[in-house]
C-alpha atoms as a PDB file:
ATOM      1  CA  MET A   1     112.123 124.705  48.654  1.00  0.00           C
ATOM      2  CA  ASP A   2     109.988 122.952  50.301  1.00  0.00           C
ATOM      3  CA  VAL A   3     111.753 120.447  52.449  1.00  0.00           C
ATOM      4  CA  VAL A   4     109.887 117.826  54.313  1.00  0.00           C
ATOM      5  CA  VAL A   5     111.580 115.252  56.627  1.00  0.00           C
ATOM      6  CA  ASP A   6     110.112 111.699  57.979  1.00  0.00           C
ATOM      7  CA  ASN A   7     111.975 110.611  61.077  1.00  0.00           C
ATOM      8  CA  LEU A   8     111.397 108.030  63.193  1.00  0.00           C
ATOM      9  CA  ILE A   9     112.428 110.283  66.114  1.00  0.00           C
ATOM     10  CA  PRO A  10     112.078 113.904  65.557  1.00  0.00           C
ATOM     11  CA  GLU A  11     114.177 116.207  67.082  1.00  0.00           C
ATOM     12  CA  ALA A  12     112.304 119.125  68.631  1.00  0.00           C
ATOM     13  CA  GLY A  13     113.105 122.377  67.453  1.00  0.00           C
ATOM     14  CA  ALA A  14     115.197 121.628  64.430  1.00  0.00           C
ATOM     15  CA  ASP A  15     112.240 122.004  62.177  1.00  0.00           C
ATOM     16  CA  GLU A  16     112.520 125.607  63.021  1.00  0.00           C
ATOM     17  CA  GLU A  17     115.998 125.808  63.070  1.00  0.00           C
ATOM     18  CA  PHE A  18     116.882 124.292  59.829  1.00  0.00           C
ATOM     19  CA  GLY A  19     113.364 125.427  57.770  1.00  0.00           C
ATOM     20  CA  PHE A  20     111.759 122.004  57.238  1.00  0.00           C
ATOM     21  CA  ARG A  21     108.417 120.152  58.091  1.00  0.00           C
ATOM     22  CA  TYR A  22     108.173 116.837  59.931  1.00  0.00           C
ATOM     23  CA  VAL A  23     105.397 114.835  57.985  1.00  0.00           C
ATOM     24  CA  ASP A  24     104.454 111.014  57.865  1.00  0.00           C
ATOM     25  CA  ARG A  25     106.283 108.989  55.249  1.00  0.00           C
ATOM     26  CA  GLU A  26     103.425 108.491  52.893  1.00  0.00           C
ATOM     27  CA  GLU A  27     102.646 111.986  52.532  1.00  0.00           C
ATOM     28  CA  LEU A  28     106.376 112.430  51.659  1.00  0.00           C
ATOM     29  CA  LEU A  29     106.799 110.069  48.722  1.00  0.00           C
ATOM     30  CA  ARG A  30     102.676 111.175  47.256  1.00  0.00           C
ATOM     31  CA  THR A  31     104.077 114.800  47.272  1.00  0.00           C
ATOM     32  CA  SER A  32     108.466 114.878  46.934  1.00  0.00           C
ATOM     33  CA  ASP A  33     109.714 115.475  43.500  1.00  0.00           C
ATOM     34  CA  PHE A  34     113.012 114.058  45.288  1.00  0.00           C
ATOM     35  CA  VAL A  35     113.553 111.829  48.226  1.00  0.00           C
ATOM     36  CA  SER A  36     116.815 110.976  49.918  1.00  0.00           C
ATOM     37  CA  PHE A  37     117.397 108.104  51.979  1.00  0.00           C
ATOM     38  CA  HIS A  38     119.827 108.548  55.276  1.00  0.00           C
ATOM     39  CA  LEU A  39     119.193 105.326  57.280  1.00  0.00           C
ATOM     40  CA  PRO A  40     121.535 102.820  58.748  1.00  0.00           C
ATOM     41  CA  ALA A  41     121.429  99.018  57.489  1.00  0.00           C
ATOM     42  CA  VAL A  42     119.594  96.644  60.698  1.00  0.00           C
ATOM     43  CA  LYS A  43     117.386  94.523  60.113  1.00  0.00           C
ATOM     44  CA  GLU A  44     114.057  97.093  59.974  1.00  0.00           C
ATOM     45  CA  THR A  45     115.417  98.948  56.789  1.00  0.00           C
ATOM     46  CA  LYS A  46     116.644  95.752  54.685  1.00  0.00           C
ATOM     47  CA  GLY A  47     114.637  96.101  51.522  1.00  0.00           C
ATOM     48  CA  MET A  48     112.628  98.579  52.336  1.00  0.00           C
ATOM     49  CA  ILE A  49     112.959 100.541  48.850  1.00  0.00           C
ATOM     50  CA  ASN A  50     110.542  98.052  47.163  1.00  0.00           C
ATOM     51  CA  THR A  51     107.167  98.019  45.035  1.00  0.00           C
ATOM     52  CA  GLU A  52     105.105  99.141  47.776  1.00  0.00           C
ATOM     53  CA  LEU A  53     107.385 102.308  48.974  1.00  0.00           C
ATOM     54  CA  LEU A  54     108.131 102.883  44.904  1.00  0.00           C
ATOM     55  CA  ASN A  55     104.442 103.008  43.857  1.00  0.00           C
ATOM     56  CA  LEU A  56     103.903 106.097  46.369  1.00  0.00           C
ATOM     57  CA  MET A  57     106.189 107.828  44.442  1.00  0.00           C
ATOM     58  CA  LYS A  58     105.808 110.128  41.962  1.00  0.00           C
ATOM     59  CA  ASP A  59     106.427 108.631  38.258  1.00  0.00           C
ATOM     60  CA  ASP A  60     108.581 111.692  37.612  1.00  0.00           C
ATOM     61  CA  ALA A  61     110.370 111.660  40.692  1.00  0.00           C
ATOM     62  CA  VAL A  62     114.253 111.317  41.812  1.00  0.00           C
ATOM     63  CA  ILE A  63     114.798 108.591  44.137  1.00  0.00           C
ATOM     64  CA  ILE A  64     118.573 109.019  45.920  1.00  0.00           C
ATOM     65  CA  ASN A  65     120.076 106.496  48.174  1.00  0.00           C
ATOM     66  CA  THR A  66     123.471 106.970  50.089  1.00  0.00           C
ATOM     67  CA  SER A  67     122.869 105.543  52.777  1.00  0.00           C
ATOM     68  CA  ARG A  68     122.956 101.345  52.048  1.00  0.00           C
ATOM     69  CA  GLY A  69     122.381  99.030  49.494  1.00  0.00           C
ATOM     70  CA  GLY A  70     120.581  96.842  51.397  1.00  0.00           C
ATOM     71  CA  LEU A  71     118.215  99.141  51.639  1.00  0.00           C
ATOM     72  CA  MET A  72     117.091  98.604  48.133  1.00  0.00           C
ATOM     73  CA  ASN A  73     115.105  95.638  46.255  1.00  0.00           C
ATOM     74  CA  GLU A  74     116.814  96.014  43.240  1.00  0.00           C
ATOM     75  CA  ASP A  75     114.382  94.386  41.187  1.00  0.00           C
ATOM     76  CA  ASP A  76     111.207  96.413  42.241  1.00  0.00           C
ATOM     77  CA  LEU A  77     113.776  99.433  41.402  1.00  0.00           C
ATOM     78  CA  LEU A  78     114.490  98.367  38.066  1.00  0.00           C
ATOM     79  CA  ALA A  79     111.075  97.484  37.053  1.00  0.00           C
ATOM     80  CA  LYS A  80     109.552 100.956  38.247  1.00  0.00           C
ATOM     81  CA  LEU A  81     112.901 102.350  35.917  1.00  0.00           C
ATOM     82  CA  ASP A  82     111.743 100.465  33.218  1.00  0.00           C
ATOM     83  CA  SER A  83     107.783 101.129  33.980  1.00  0.00           C
ATOM     84  CA  CYS A  84     108.330 104.821  33.901  1.00  0.00           C
ATOM     85  CA  PRO A  85     111.231 106.443  32.103  1.00  0.00           C
ATOM     86  CA  ASN A  86     110.434 109.861  33.816  1.00  0.00           C
ATOM     87  CA  PHE A  87     111.870 108.193  37.457  1.00  0.00           C
ATOM     88  CA  TRP A  88     115.432 108.759  38.030  1.00  0.00           C
ATOM     89  CA  MET A  89     117.152 106.997  40.586  1.00  0.00           C
ATOM     90  CA  GLY A  90     120.912 107.898  41.892  1.00  0.00           C
ATOM     91  CA  THR A  91     123.054 105.815  44.477  1.00  0.00           C
ATOM     92  CA  ASP A  92     126.498 105.001  45.281  1.00  0.00           C
ATOM     93  CA  VAL A  93     126.007 101.987  46.811  1.00  0.00           C
ATOM     94  CA  PHE A  94     125.216  98.312  46.087  1.00  0.00           C
ATOM     95  CA  ALA A  95     123.691  95.530  47.661  1.00  0.00           C
END
């Protein structure tokens, strides 16, 4: 598996130690089959899973949010799921 990570504050050496590559968010979204979010609920992350972000993803990708429900714009997410039958979502949180 090719694991890629987008992190606002990359930890020096972690990529080599754990075997992943740091990439920018757009590359991560455009190329990944699975995208998992691990973020706090803060002003900057509220509603960040929205149409703009979802449209960067593959139509057959899987998005996983186990962070906070507030990251998701639920209407945008439902629209993506309706328009792309092979797009999947897993979550254990809701807004």
